[in-house]
Amino acid sequence: MFYKKDYYGAIRLYSECLQLFPDNIALLNNRSIAYLKRGWKGDNYAALRDAVKATQLDSSHEKGQFRLIQCLEALGLNTLAAKRLDEFQRKFPEGAMSSSVKNLDKKIATSSSSAENNREETVSSSHHDYTHRYLGHFNCQTDIKESNFFGPNQEYILAGSDDTRFFLWDRTTEKLMKVFVGDTHTVNCVQPHPTLPIIATSGLEKVVKLWTPQLLPRKQQEDSTEEYVIDSLEKIFQISQQNQESLANEMNMSTRMFMIEDILSISDEYNNPNACATS
């Protein structure tokens, strides 16, 4: 998948393998470069986390040390990247002669180092870090997107989104399990029942929707849920990747409207609101 540039698929498989082998250095390094190649918002930092763990497990691993420098450069931490690269060249003189190392050296040397000292101080100071990251939804229209735990053992994560949908992830693996159409515009609120398998959602519509498991014959169930349940998760992530790339740049209003129109094209029956709406 990686060589086909399916970075989302590669990251998904690496993540599933890391659930079984969390200290596998090769998997950590491979997922790290897949994050860098995918380039979604937050991916550079996720790549750094994997690279740091890999080097902590084996500080003599050449590829792991090089991957760490790549991550620092991608985050704009050029002074720290240059320092690490100098250490790398002394420690691995043969590896330092490779074209990839030389190209990275030039890239760091020509990159702007403005305002990077504050970012380096933030990286080196002791802050709490996230343990899981769930992707697919986005928030650029309204100021609130609720997320919640769901399931008898809180094994799932729920969240609303600006693309008419709400999302369900596996809490442990971070895998997107299902996407539901919850509103004609935006889903801001998702609340599970404390004891029953019921989810309440609301958005910009003047209704609150309740979601429960259906006890219907399979064919009738498929017909009744067809317009509400999105099974094309690959399509969702293709659109999400485009959105993340757009969000990585400075956005103006026309960019935001383009993103909404693109997402809503999956379901022709929904119209673009063409306006930013308050929650």
C-alpha atoms as a PDB file:
ATOM      1  CA  MET A   1       0.000   0.000   0.000  1.00  0.00           C
ATOM      2  CA  PHE A   2       2.831   2.400   0.824  1.00  0.00           C
ATOM      3  CA  TYR A   3       4.453   2.053  -2.600  1.00  0.00           C
ATOM      4  CA  LYS A   4       1.041   2.624  -4.216  1.00  0.00           C
ATOM      5  CA  LYS A   5       0.865   5.870  -2.219  1.00  0.00           C
ATOM      6  CA  ASP A   6      -2.120   4.598  -0.241  1.00  0.00           C
ATOM      7  CA  TYR A   7      -0.730   6.129   2.932  1.00  0.00           C
ATOM      8  CA  TYR A   8      -4.005   5.924   4.850  1.00  0.00           C
ATOM      9  CA  GLY A   9      -4.217   2.185   4.147  1.00  0.00           C
ATOM     10  CA  ALA A  10      -0.567   1.691   5.065  1.00  0.00           C
ATOM     11  CA  ILE A  11      -0.973   3.569   8.353  1.00  0.00           C
ATOM     12  CA  ARG A  12      -4.077   1.533   9.163  1.00  0.00           C
ATOM     13  CA  LEU A  13      -2.217  -1.759   8.641  1.00  0.00           C
ATOM     14  CA  TYR A  14       0.877  -0.602  10.540  1.00  0.00           C
ATOM     15  CA  SER A  15      -1.363   0.497  13.414  1.00  0.00           C
ATOM     16  CA  GLU A  16      -3.119  -2.874  13.538  1.00  0.00           C
ATOM     17  CA  CYS A  17       0.260  -4.638  13.628  1.00  0.00           C
ATOM     18  CA  LEU A  18       1.511  -2.296  16.354  1.00  0.00           C
ATOM     19  CA  GLN A  19      -1.460  -3.299  18.492  1.00  0.00           C
ATOM     20  CA  LEU A  20       0.082  -6.784  18.506  1.00  0.00           C
ATOM     21  CA  PHE A  21       3.750  -5.743  18.507  1.00  0.00           C
ATOM     22  CA  PRO A  22       3.914  -2.272  20.111  1.00  0.00           C
ATOM     23  CA  ASP A  23       7.723  -2.275  20.401  1.00  0.00           C
ATOM     24  CA  ASN A  24       8.529  -3.327  16.844  1.00  0.00           C
ATOM     25  CA  ILE A  25      11.062  -0.769  15.598  1.00  0.00           C
ATOM     26  CA  ALA A  26      10.517  -1.508  11.894  1.00  0.00           C
ATOM     27  CA  LEU A  27       6.765  -0.965  12.216  1.00  0.00           C
ATOM     28  CA  LEU A  28       7.284   2.292  14.111  1.00  0.00           C
ATOM     29  CA  ASN A  29       9.711   3.620  11.512  1.00  0.00           C
ATOM     30  CA  ASN A  30       7.485   2.565   8.626  1.00  0.00           C
ATOM     31  CA  ARG A  31       4.403   4.181  10.141  1.00  0.00           C
ATOM     32  CA  SER A  32       6.446   7.295  10.856  1.00  0.00           C
ATOM     33  CA  ILE A  33       7.418   7.792   7.204  1.00  0.00           C
ATOM     34  CA  ALA A  34       3.845   6.976   6.117  1.00  0.00           C
ATOM     35  CA  TYR A  35       2.613   9.808   8.366  1.00  0.00           C
ATOM     36  CA  LEU A  36       5.165  12.176   6.824  1.00  0.00           C
ATOM     37  CA  LYS A  37       4.139  11.169   3.308  1.00  0.00           C
ATOM     38  CA  ARG A  38       0.405  11.472   4.012  1.00  0.00           C
ATOM     39  CA  GLY A  39       0.809  14.959   5.429  1.00  0.00           C
ATOM     40  CA  TRP A  40      -2.551  15.430   7.116  1.00  0.00           C
ATOM     41  CA  LYS A  41      -2.807  18.034   9.831  1.00  0.00           C
ATOM     42  CA  GLY A  42      -1.048  16.602  12.884  1.00  0.00           C
ATOM     43  CA  ASP A  43       0.686  13.824  10.927  1.00  0.00           C
ATOM     44  CA  ASN A  44       4.174  15.314  11.288  1.00  0.00           C
ATOM     45  CA  TYR A  45       3.837  15.239  15.056  1.00  0.00           C
ATOM     46  CA  ALA A  46       2.405  11.704  14.977  1.00  0.00           C
ATOM     47  CA  ALA A  47       5.454  10.715  12.903  1.00  0.00           C
ATOM     48  CA  LEU A  48       7.738  12.282  15.506  1.00  0.00           C
ATOM     49  CA  ARG A  49       6.085  10.282  18.290  1.00  0.00           C
ATOM     50  CA  ASP A  50       6.802   7.028  16.456  1.00  0.00           C
ATOM     51  CA  ALA A  51      10.374   8.079  15.641  1.00  0.00           C
ATOM     52  CA  VAL A  52      11.086   9.038  19.256  1.00  0.00           C
ATOM     53  CA  LYS A  53       9.774   5.708  20.532  1.00  0.00           C
ATOM     54  CA  ALA A  54      11.823   3.801  17.952  1.00  0.00           C
ATOM     55  CA  THR A  55      15.044   5.583  18.974  1.00  0.00           C
ATOM     56  CA  GLN A  56      14.261   5.034  22.645  1.00  0.00           C
ATOM     57  CA  LEU A  57      13.969   1.311  21.974  1.00  0.00           C
ATOM     58  CA  ASP A  58      17.270   1.235  20.050  1.00  0.00           C
ATOM     59  CA  SER A  59      19.441   4.354  19.916  1.00  0.00           C
ATOM     60  CA  SER A  60      21.906   2.611  17.569  1.00  0.00           C
ATOM     61  CA  HIS A  61      19.290   2.039  14.853  1.00  0.00           C
ATOM     62  CA  GLU A  62      20.444   4.128  11.876  1.00  0.00           C
ATOM     63  CA  LYS A  63      17.096   4.381  10.085  1.00  0.00           C
ATOM     64  CA  GLY A  64      15.339   5.349  13.311  1.00  0.00           C
ATOM     65  CA  GLN A  65      17.777   8.195  13.967  1.00  0.00           C
ATOM     66  CA  PHE A  66      17.410   9.449  10.395  1.00  0.00           C
ATOM     67  CA  ARG A  67      13.608   9.266  10.614  1.00  0.00           C
ATOM     68  CA  LEU A  68      13.715  11.371  13.784  1.00  0.00           C
ATOM     69  CA  ILE A  69      15.676  14.097  11.963  1.00  0.00           C
ATOM     70  CA  GLN A  70      13.187  14.019   9.088  1.00  0.00           C
ATOM     71  CA  CYS A  71      10.342  14.586  11.557  1.00  0.00           C
ATOM     72  CA  LEU A  72      12.096  17.499  13.249  1.00  0.00           C
ATOM     73  CA  GLU A  73      12.681  19.156   9.874  1.00  0.00           C
ATOM     74  CA  ALA A  74       9.057  18.589   8.841  1.00  0.00           C
ATOM     75  CA  LEU A  75       7.925  20.300  12.055  1.00  0.00           C
ATOM     76  CA  GLY A  76      10.162  23.303  11.322  1.00  0.00           C
ATOM     77  CA  LEU A  77      12.521  22.590  14.216  1.00  0.00           C
ATOM     78  CA  ASN A  78      15.560  23.273  12.067  1.00  0.00           C
ATOM     79  CA  THR A  79      18.120  24.080  14.788  1.00  0.00           C
ATOM     80  CA  LEU A  80      17.338  20.880  16.645  1.00  0.00           C
ATOM     81  CA  ALA A  81      17.259  18.936  13.360  1.00  0.00           C
ATOM     82  CA  ALA A  82      20.692  20.303  12.400  1.00  0.00           C
ATOM     83  CA  LYS A  83      22.112  19.342  15.779  1.00  0.00           C
ATOM     84  CA  ARG A  84      20.729  15.803  15.478  1.00  0.00           C
ATOM     85  CA  LEU A  85      22.000  15.525  11.905  1.00  0.00           C
ATOM     86  CA  ASP A  86      25.508  16.511  12.997  1.00  0.00           C
ATOM     87  CA  GLU A  87      25.404  13.772  15.646  1.00  0.00           C
ATOM     88  CA  PHE A  88      24.074  11.333  13.040  1.00  0.00           C
ATOM     89  CA  GLN A  89      26.921  12.082  10.612  1.00  0.00           C
ATOM     90  CA  ARG A  90      29.516  11.439  13.306  1.00  0.00           C
ATOM     91  CA  LYS A  91      27.838   8.267  14.533  1.00  0.00           C
ATOM     92  CA  PHE A  92      27.042   6.792  11.106  1.00  0.00           C
ATOM     93  CA  PRO A  93      29.756   8.048   8.711  1.00  0.00           C
ATOM     94  CA  GLU A  94      28.839   5.599   5.951  1.00  0.00           C
ATOM     95  CA  GLY A  95      25.150   6.430   6.155  1.00  0.00           C
ATOM     96  CA  ALA A  96      26.017  10.127   6.116  1.00  0.00           C
ATOM     97  CA  MET A  97      27.293   9.715   2.539  1.00  0.00           C
ATOM     98  CA  SER A  98      23.910   8.653   1.179  1.00  0.00           C
ATOM     99  CA  SER A  99      22.001  10.997  -1.118  1.00  0.00           C
ATOM    100  CA  SER A 100      18.983  11.082   1.208  1.00  0.00           C
ATOM    101  CA  VAL A 101      21.102  12.364   4.104  1.00  0.00           C
ATOM    102  CA  LYS A 102      22.820  14.950   1.895  1.00  0.00           C
ATOM    103  CA  ASN A 103      19.479  16.171   0.549  1.00  0.00           C
ATOM    104  CA  LEU A 104      18.072  16.475   4.059  1.00  0.00           C
ATOM    105  CA  ASP A 105      21.189  18.399   5.127  1.00  0.00           C
ATOM    106  CA  LYS A 106      20.651  20.905   2.311  1.00  0.00           C
ATOM    107  CA  LYS A 107      16.961  21.193   3.122  1.00  0.00           C
ATOM    108  CA  ILE A 108      17.661  21.979   6.773  1.00  0.00           C
ATOM    109  CA  ALA A 109      20.393  24.473   5.863  1.00  0.00           C
ATOM    110  CA  THR A 110      18.132  26.422   3.511  1.00  0.00           C
ATOM    111  CA  SER A 111      15.003  26.327   5.681  1.00  0.00           C
ATOM    112  CA  SER A 112      13.931  29.359   7.626  1.00  0.00           C
ATOM    113  CA  SER A 113      14.575  29.160  11.365  1.00  0.00           C
ATOM    114  CA  SER A 114      12.374  32.079  12.355  1.00  0.00           C
ATOM    115  CA  ALA A 115      10.437  31.676  15.608  1.00  0.00           C
ATOM    116  CA  GLU A 116      11.532  28.050  15.966  1.00  0.00           C
ATOM    117  CA  ASN A 117      13.128  28.468  19.403  1.00  0.00           C
ATOM    118  CA  ASN A 118       9.764  28.723  21.114  1.00  0.00           C
ATOM    119  CA  ARG A 119       8.562  25.564  19.380  1.00  0.00           C
ATOM    120  CA  GLU A 120      11.682  23.685  20.436  1.00  0.00           C
ATOM    121  CA  GLU A 121      11.148  24.775  24.019  1.00  0.00           C
ATOM    122  CA  THR A 122       7.594  23.416  23.825  1.00  0.00           C
ATOM    123  CA  VAL A 123       8.826  20.072  22.492  1.00  0.00           C
ATOM    124  CA  SER A 124      11.442  19.702  25.218  1.00  0.00           C
ATOM    125  CA  SER A 125       9.227  20.750  28.142  1.00  0.00           C
ATOM    126  CA  SER A 126       6.994  18.349  30.049  1.00  0.00           C
ATOM    127  CA  HIS A 127       3.452  18.466  28.691  1.00  0.00           C
ATOM    128  CA  HIS A 128       0.671  15.927  28.598  1.00  0.00           C
ATOM    129  CA  ASP A 129       0.360  14.188  25.249  1.00  0.00           C
ATOM    130  CA  TYR A 130      -2.524  12.422  23.547  1.00  0.00           C
ATOM    131  CA  THR A 131      -2.789   8.634  23.620  1.00  0.00           C
ATOM    132  CA  HIS A 132      -5.177   8.142  20.672  1.00  0.00           C
ATOM    133  CA  ARG A 133      -6.039  10.042  17.518  1.00  0.00           C
ATOM    134  CA  TYR A 134      -9.295   9.571  15.573  1.00  0.00           C
ATOM    135  CA  LEU A 135      -9.571  10.848  12.002  1.00  0.00           C
ATOM    136  CA  GLY A 136     -12.197  11.381   9.322  1.00  0.00           C
ATOM    137  CA  HIS A 137     -14.431  14.155  10.657  1.00  0.00           C
ATOM    138  CA  PHE A 138     -13.678  17.857  10.407  1.00  0.00           C
ATOM    139  CA  ASN A 139     -14.711  21.114  12.026  1.00  0.00           C
ATOM    140  CA  CYS A 140     -14.574  24.407  10.136  1.00  0.00           C
ATOM    141  CA  GLN A 141     -18.150  25.733  10.195  1.00  0.00           C
ATOM    142  CA  THR A 142     -19.374  25.818  13.779  1.00  0.00           C
ATOM    143  CA  ASP A 143     -17.594  26.319  17.079  1.00  0.00           C
ATOM    144  CA  ILE A 144     -18.608  23.069  18.814  1.00  0.00           C
ATOM    145  CA  LYS A 145     -18.149  19.409  17.898  1.00  0.00           C
ATOM    146  CA  GLU A 146     -19.105  17.025  20.679  1.00  0.00           C
ATOM    147  CA  SER A 147     -17.395  13.677  21.200  1.00  0.00           C
ATOM    148  CA  ASN A 148     -18.319  10.879  23.582  1.00  0.00           C
ATOM    149  CA  PHE A 149     -17.622   7.330  24.645  1.00  0.00           C
ATOM    150  CA  PHE A 150     -20.101   4.633  23.613  1.00  0.00           C
ATOM    151  CA  GLY A 151     -20.689   0.941  24.313  1.00  0.00           C
ATOM    152  CA  PRO A 152     -21.128  -1.188  27.445  1.00  0.00           C
ATOM    153  CA  ASN A 153     -17.393  -0.938  28.111  1.00  0.00           C
ATOM    154  CA  GLN A 154     -16.937   2.463  26.452  1.00  0.00           C
ATOM    155  CA  GLU A 155     -15.108   0.688  23.627  1.00  0.00           C
ATOM    156  CA  TYR A 156     -16.172   3.165  20.947  1.00  0.00           C
ATOM    157  CA  ILE A 157     -15.717   6.894  20.332  1.00  0.00           C
ATOM    158  CA  LEU A 158     -18.455   9.103  18.814  1.00  0.00           C
ATOM    159  CA  ALA A 159     -18.057  12.568  17.293  1.00  0.00           C
ATOM    160  CA  GLY A 160     -20.015  14.984  15.115  1.00  0.00           C
ATOM    161  CA  SER A 161     -18.772  16.620  11.948  1.00  0.00           C
ATOM    162  CA  ASP A 162     -19.438  19.493   9.538  1.00  0.00           C
ATOM    163  CA  ASP A 163     -20.188  17.161   6.632  1.00  0.00           C
ATOM    164  CA  THR A 164     -23.735  16.163   7.789  1.00  0.00           C
ATOM    165  CA  ARG A 165     -22.389  13.036   9.509  1.00  0.00           C
ATOM    166  CA  PHE A 166     -21.343  11.572  12.826  1.00  0.00           C
ATOM    167  CA  PHE A 167     -18.540   9.052  13.176  1.00  0.00           C
ATOM    168  CA  LEU A 168     -17.957   5.884  15.203  1.00  0.00           C
ATOM    169  CA  TRP A 169     -14.402   4.673  15.915  1.00  0.00           C
ATOM    170  CA  ASP A 170     -12.952   1.735  17.794  1.00  0.00           C
ATOM    171  CA  ARG A 171     -11.469   3.293  20.909  1.00  0.00           C
ATOM    172  CA  THR A 172      -8.391   1.027  21.073  1.00  0.00           C
ATOM    173  CA  THR A 173      -7.413   0.572  17.427  1.00  0.00           C
ATOM    174  CA  GLU A 174      -8.630   4.038  16.282  1.00  0.00           C
ATOM    175  CA  LYS A 175     -10.271   2.295  13.313  1.00  0.00           C
ATOM    176  CA  LEU A 176     -13.260   4.067  11.783  1.00  0.00           C
ATOM    177  CA  MET A 177     -16.122   1.591  12.141  1.00  0.00           C
ATOM    178  CA  LYS A 178     -19.126   3.433  10.702  1.00  0.00           C
ATOM    179  CA  VAL A 179     -20.322   6.788   9.404  1.00  0.00           C
ATOM    180  CA  PHE A 180     -23.936   7.930   9.734  1.00  0.00           C
ATOM    181  CA  VAL A 181     -25.782  10.835   8.122  1.00  0.00           C
ATOM    182  CA  GLY A 182     -27.174  12.696  11.126  1.00  0.00           C
ATOM    183  CA  ASP A 183     -28.197  16.115   9.806  1.00  0.00           C
ATOM    184  CA  THR A 184     -28.721  18.001   6.564  1.00  0.00           C
ATOM    185  CA  HIS A 185     -25.939  20.436   7.508  1.00  0.00           C
ATOM    186  CA  THR A 186     -23.848  19.788  10.636  1.00  0.00           C
ATOM    187  CA  VAL A 187     -23.839  17.332  13.549  1.00  0.00           C
ATOM    188  CA  ASN A 188     -22.733  19.175  16.682  1.00  0.00           C
ATOM    189  CA  CYS A 189     -24.024  16.979  19.525  1.00  0.00           C
ATOM    190  CA  VAL A 190     -23.760  13.209  20.033  1.00  0.00           C
ATOM    191  CA  GLN A 191     -24.960  11.728  23.321  1.00  0.00           C
ATOM    192  CA  PRO A 192     -25.212   8.016  24.185  1.00  0.00           C
ATOM    193  CA  HIS A 193     -27.775   6.669  26.622  1.00  0.00           C
ATOM    194  CA  PRO A 194     -26.027   5.697  29.898  1.00  0.00           C
ATOM    195  CA  THR A 195     -27.329   2.108  29.876  1.00  0.00           C
ATOM    196  CA  LEU A 196     -29.179   1.390  26.604  1.00  0.00           C
ATOM    197  CA  PRO A 197     -27.793   1.150  23.041  1.00  0.00           C
ATOM    198  CA  ILE A 198     -29.297   4.487  22.015  1.00  0.00           C
ATOM    199  CA  ILE A 199     -27.552   7.550  20.574  1.00  0.00           C
ATOM    200  CA  ALA A 200     -29.074  11.032  20.398  1.00  0.00           C
ATOM    201  CA  THR A 201     -27.746  13.465  17.787  1.00  0.00           C
ATOM    202  CA  SER A 202     -28.566  17.055  16.892  1.00  0.00           C
ATOM    203  CA  GLY A 203     -27.215  19.743  14.628  1.00  0.00           C
ATOM    204  CA  LEU A 204     -28.621  22.721  12.777  1.00  0.00           C
ATOM    205  CA  GLU A 205     -31.959  21.032  12.069  1.00  0.00           C
ATOM    206  CA  LYS A 206     -34.804  21.697  14.488  1.00  0.00           C
ATOM    207  CA  VAL A 207     -34.945  18.048  15.533  1.00  0.00           C
ATOM    208  CA  VAL A 208     -33.086  15.609  17.769  1.00  0.00           C
ATOM    209  CA  LYS A 209     -32.615  12.158  16.256  1.00  0.00           C
ATOM    210  CA  LEU A 210     -32.480   8.908  18.230  1.00  0.00           C
ATOM    211  CA  TRP A 211     -30.472   5.988  16.876  1.00  0.00           C
ATOM    212  CA  THR A 212     -31.102   2.380  17.974  1.00  0.00           C
ATOM    213  CA  PRO A 213     -30.219  -1.094  16.639  1.00  0.00           C
ATOM    214  CA  GLN A 214     -32.831  -2.396  14.215  1.00  0.00           C
ATOM    215  CA  LEU A 215     -34.523  -5.792  14.536  1.00  0.00           C
ATOM    216  CA  LEU A 216     -35.676  -6.131  10.936  1.00  0.00           C
ATOM    217  CA  PRO A 217     -35.181  -8.741   8.211  1.00  0.00           C
ATOM    218  CA  ARG A 218     -31.836  -8.108   6.499  1.00  0.00           C
ATOM    219  CA  LYS A 219     -33.299  -6.863   3.197  1.00  0.00           C
ATOM    220  CA  GLN A 220     -35.772  -4.551   4.917  1.00  0.00           C
ATOM    221  CA  GLN A 221     -33.025  -3.299   7.231  1.00  0.00           C
ATOM    222  CA  GLU A 222     -30.744  -2.468   4.306  1.00  0.00           C
ATOM    223  CA  ASP A 223     -33.535  -0.589   2.522  1.00  0.00           C
ATOM    224  CA  SER A 224     -34.488   1.405   5.617  1.00  0.00           C
ATOM    225  CA  THR A 225     -30.933   2.476   6.515  1.00  0.00           C
ATOM    226  CA  GLU A 226     -29.522   3.035   3.049  1.00  0.00           C
ATOM    227  CA  GLU A 227     -29.798   6.825   3.133  1.00  0.00           C
ATOM    228  CA  TYR A 228     -28.435   7.159   6.669  1.00  0.00           C
ATOM    229  CA  VAL A 229     -25.493   4.744   6.929  1.00  0.00           C
ATOM    230  CA  ILE A 230     -22.369   5.387   4.847  1.00  0.00           C
ATOM    231  CA  ASP A 231     -20.462   2.169   4.169  1.00  0.00           C
ATOM    232  CA  SER A 232     -18.029   3.678   1.659  1.00  0.00           C
ATOM    233  CA  LEU A 233     -15.416   4.433   4.309  1.00  0.00           C
ATOM    234  CA  GLU A 234     -12.668   4.533   1.705  1.00  0.00           C
ATOM    235  CA  LYS A 235     -14.516   7.326  -0.118  1.00  0.00           C
ATOM    236  CA  ILE A 236     -15.002   9.173   3.173  1.00  0.00           C
ATOM    237  CA  PHE A 237     -11.261   9.082   3.814  1.00  0.00           C
ATOM    238  CA  GLN A 238     -10.405  10.141   0.283  1.00  0.00           C
ATOM    239  CA  ILE A 239     -12.512  13.256   0.788  1.00  0.00           C
ATOM    240  CA  SER A 240     -11.137  13.659   4.324  1.00  0.00           C
ATOM    241  CA  GLN A 241      -7.574  13.586   3.001  1.00  0.00           C
ATOM    242  CA  GLN A 242      -8.397  16.386   0.577  1.00  0.00           C
ATOM    243  CA  ASN A 243      -9.951  18.348   3.453  1.00  0.00           C
ATOM    244  CA  GLN A 244      -6.942  17.830   5.699  1.00  0.00           C
ATOM    245  CA  GLU A 245      -4.614  19.027   2.966  1.00  0.00           C
ATOM    246  CA  SER A 246      -6.781  22.111   2.516  1.00  0.00           C
ATOM    247  CA  LEU A 247      -6.879  22.760   6.273  1.00  0.00           C
ATOM    248  CA  ALA A 248      -3.081  22.572   6.413  1.00  0.00           C
ATOM    249  CA  ASN A 249      -2.961  25.803   4.417  1.00  0.00           C
ATOM    250  CA  GLU A 250      -4.320  29.166   5.437  1.00  0.00           C
ATOM    251  CA  MET A 251      -8.017  28.984   4.632  1.00  0.00           C
ATOM    252  CA  ASN A 252     -10.312  31.679   3.315  1.00  0.00           C
ATOM    253  CA  MET A 253     -14.073  31.495   2.959  1.00  0.00           C
ATOM    254  CA  SER A 254     -14.025  30.258  -0.622  1.00  0.00           C
ATOM    255  CA  THR A 255     -11.777  27.348   0.394  1.00  0.00           C
ATOM    256  CA  ARG A 256     -14.165  26.355   3.158  1.00  0.00           C
ATOM    257  CA  MET A 257     -17.161  26.394   0.845  1.00  0.00           C
ATOM    258  CA  PHE A 258     -15.281  24.271  -1.703  1.00  0.00           C
ATOM    259  CA  MET A 259     -14.549  21.655   0.987  1.00  0.00           C
ATOM    260  CA  ILE A 260     -18.181  21.436   2.063  1.00  0.00           C
ATOM    261  CA  GLU A 261     -19.406  21.114  -1.523  1.00  0.00           C
ATOM    262  CA  ASP A 262     -16.904  18.332  -2.206  1.00  0.00           C
ATOM    263  CA  ILE A 263     -17.964  16.306   0.819  1.00  0.00           C
ATOM    264  CA  LEU A 264     -21.671  16.746   0.182  1.00  0.00           C
ATOM    265  CA  SER A 265     -21.217  15.446  -3.355  1.00  0.00           C
ATOM    266  CA  ILE A 266     -21.164  11.922  -1.877  1.00  0.00           C
ATOM    267  CA  SER A 267     -24.890  12.242  -1.130  1.00  0.00           C
ATOM    268  CA  ASP A 268     -26.679  14.193  -3.850  1.00  0.00           C
ATOM    269  CA  GLU A 269     -29.832  14.650  -1.801  1.00  0.00           C
ATOM    270  CA  TYR A 270     -28.162  17.090   0.584  1.00  0.00           C
ATOM    271  CA  ASN A 271     -27.571  20.719  -0.356  1.00  0.00           C
ATOM    272  CA  ASN A 272     -24.687  22.926   0.680  1.00  0.00           C
ATOM    273  CA  PRO A 273     -25.776  25.561   3.252  1.00  0.00           C
ATOM    274  CA  ASN A 274     -23.359  28.110   1.669  1.00  0.00           C
ATOM    275  CA  ALA A 275     -22.946  29.965   4.940  1.00  0.00           C
ATOM    276  CA  CYS A 276     -21.092  29.674   8.210  1.00  0.00           C
ATOM    277  CA  ALA A 277     -23.599  28.815  10.920  1.00  0.00           C
ATOM    278  CA  THR A 278     -23.374  29.315  14.667  1.00  0.00           C
ATOM    279  CA  SER A 279     -24.036  26.370  16.908  1.00  0.00           C
END
